[in-house]
Amino acid sequence: MKNVGSTDKIIRIVLGVAIGAWGIWAQNWWGLVGLVPLGTALTGWCPAYFPFKINTAKK
């Protein structure tokens, strides 16, 4: 069940890449946090949306 819409996906991809790039630039393992928004964008499902019944995907 997908709960991440197209605009939401674009924002998550941009944020994920930006956080990952910052991590590489800073040589810091915190850049791995960028994998979370990338993963949710690529799968189309956000576990944080589930308990609040948020759905930005078109029905």
C-alpha atoms as a PDB file:
ATOM      1  CA  MET A   1       0.000   0.000   0.000  1.00  0.00           C
ATOM      2  CA  LYS A   2       1.598   3.247  -1.166  1.00  0.00           C
ATOM      3  CA  ASN A   3       1.158   6.399   0.881  1.00  0.00           C
ATOM      4  CA  VAL A   4       3.752   8.736  -0.681  1.00  0.00           C
ATOM      5  CA  GLY A   5       2.641  10.916  -3.591  1.00  0.00           C
ATOM      6  CA  SER A   6       4.695  12.246  -6.501  1.00  0.00           C
ATOM      7  CA  THR A   7       5.417  15.703  -5.045  1.00  0.00           C
ATOM      8  CA  ASP A   8       6.303  14.084  -1.740  1.00  0.00           C
ATOM      9  CA  LYS A   9       8.665  11.697  -3.563  1.00  0.00           C
ATOM     10  CA  ILE A  10      10.478  14.546  -5.318  1.00  0.00           C
ATOM     11  CA  ILE A  11      10.984  16.397  -2.036  1.00  0.00           C
ATOM     12  CA  ARG A  12      12.268  13.219  -0.353  1.00  0.00           C
ATOM     13  CA  ILE A  13      14.688  12.483  -3.204  1.00  0.00           C
ATOM     14  CA  VAL A  14      16.092  16.028  -3.152  1.00  0.00           C
ATOM     15  CA  LEU A  15      16.470  15.956   0.640  1.00  0.00           C
ATOM     16  CA  GLY A  16      17.991  12.479   0.609  1.00  0.00           C
ATOM     17  CA  VAL A  17      20.570  13.397  -2.014  1.00  0.00           C
ATOM     18  CA  ALA A  18      21.370  16.683  -0.235  1.00  0.00           C
ATOM     19  CA  ILE A  19      21.851  14.989   3.133  1.00  0.00           C
ATOM     20  CA  GLY A  20      23.951  12.231   1.571  1.00  0.00           C
ATOM     21  CA  ALA A  21      26.095  14.754  -0.322  1.00  0.00           C
ATOM     22  CA  TRP A  22      26.619  16.728   2.868  1.00  0.00           C
ATOM     23  CA  GLY A  23      27.703  13.536   4.620  1.00  0.00           C
ATOM     24  CA  ILE A  24      30.218  12.759   1.899  1.00  0.00           C
ATOM     25  CA  TRP A  25      31.481  16.351   1.837  1.00  0.00           C
ATOM     26  CA  ALA A  26      31.802  16.480   5.646  1.00  0.00           C
ATOM     27  CA  GLN A  27      33.208  12.923   5.733  1.00  0.00           C
ATOM     28  CA  ASN A  28      30.594  12.136   8.337  1.00  0.00           C
ATOM     29  CA  TRP A  29      28.552   8.958   8.765  1.00  0.00           C
ATOM     30  CA  TRP A  30      25.448  11.071   9.492  1.00  0.00           C
ATOM     31  CA  GLY A  31      25.102  11.403   5.736  1.00  0.00           C
ATOM     32  CA  LEU A  32      23.666   7.885   5.824  1.00  0.00           C
ATOM     33  CA  VAL A  33      20.500   9.440   7.258  1.00  0.00           C
ATOM     34  CA  GLY A  34      19.853  10.542   3.669  1.00  0.00           C
ATOM     35  CA  LEU A  35      19.080   6.924   2.835  1.00  0.00           C
ATOM     36  CA  VAL A  36      15.844   7.120   4.829  1.00  0.00           C
ATOM     37  CA  PRO A  37      14.062   9.688   2.633  1.00  0.00           C
ATOM     38  CA  LEU A  38      15.525   8.044  -0.476  1.00  0.00           C
ATOM     39  CA  GLY A  39      14.239   4.650   0.609  1.00  0.00           C
ATOM     40  CA  THR A  40      10.764   5.918   1.370  1.00  0.00           C
ATOM     41  CA  ALA A  41      10.646   7.762  -1.959  1.00  0.00           C
ATOM     42  CA  LEU A  42      11.740   4.716  -3.941  1.00  0.00           C
ATOM     43  CA  THR A  43       9.349   2.327  -2.206  1.00  0.00           C
ATOM     44  CA  GLY A  44       6.466   4.809  -2.117  1.00  0.00           C
ATOM     45  CA  TRP A  45       5.670   3.898   1.480  1.00  0.00           C
ATOM     46  CA  CYS A  46       6.483   5.846   4.636  1.00  0.00           C
ATOM     47  CA  PRO A  47       6.140   3.976   7.932  1.00  0.00           C
ATOM     48  CA  ALA A  48       5.818   7.286   9.838  1.00  0.00           C
ATOM     49  CA  TYR A  49       2.676   8.140   7.843  1.00  0.00           C
ATOM     50  CA  PHE A  50       0.975   4.847   8.708  1.00  0.00           C
ATOM     51  CA  PRO A  51      -0.087   5.453  12.350  1.00  0.00           C
ATOM     52  CA  PHE A  52      -1.408   8.928  11.489  1.00  0.00           C
ATOM     53  CA  LYS A  53      -3.252   7.661   8.382  1.00  0.00           C
ATOM     54  CA  ILE A  54      -1.519  10.238   6.172  1.00  0.00           C
ATOM     55  CA  ASN A  55      -1.639   9.498   2.465  1.00  0.00           C
ATOM     56  CA  THR A  56      -0.232  11.905  -0.138  1.00  0.00           C
ATOM     57  CA  ALA A  57      -0.603   9.407  -2.994  1.00  0.00           C
ATOM     58  CA  LYS A  58      -3.442   9.831  -5.464  1.00  0.00           C
ATOM     59  CA  LYS A  59      -6.208   7.302  -5.124  1.00  0.00           C
END
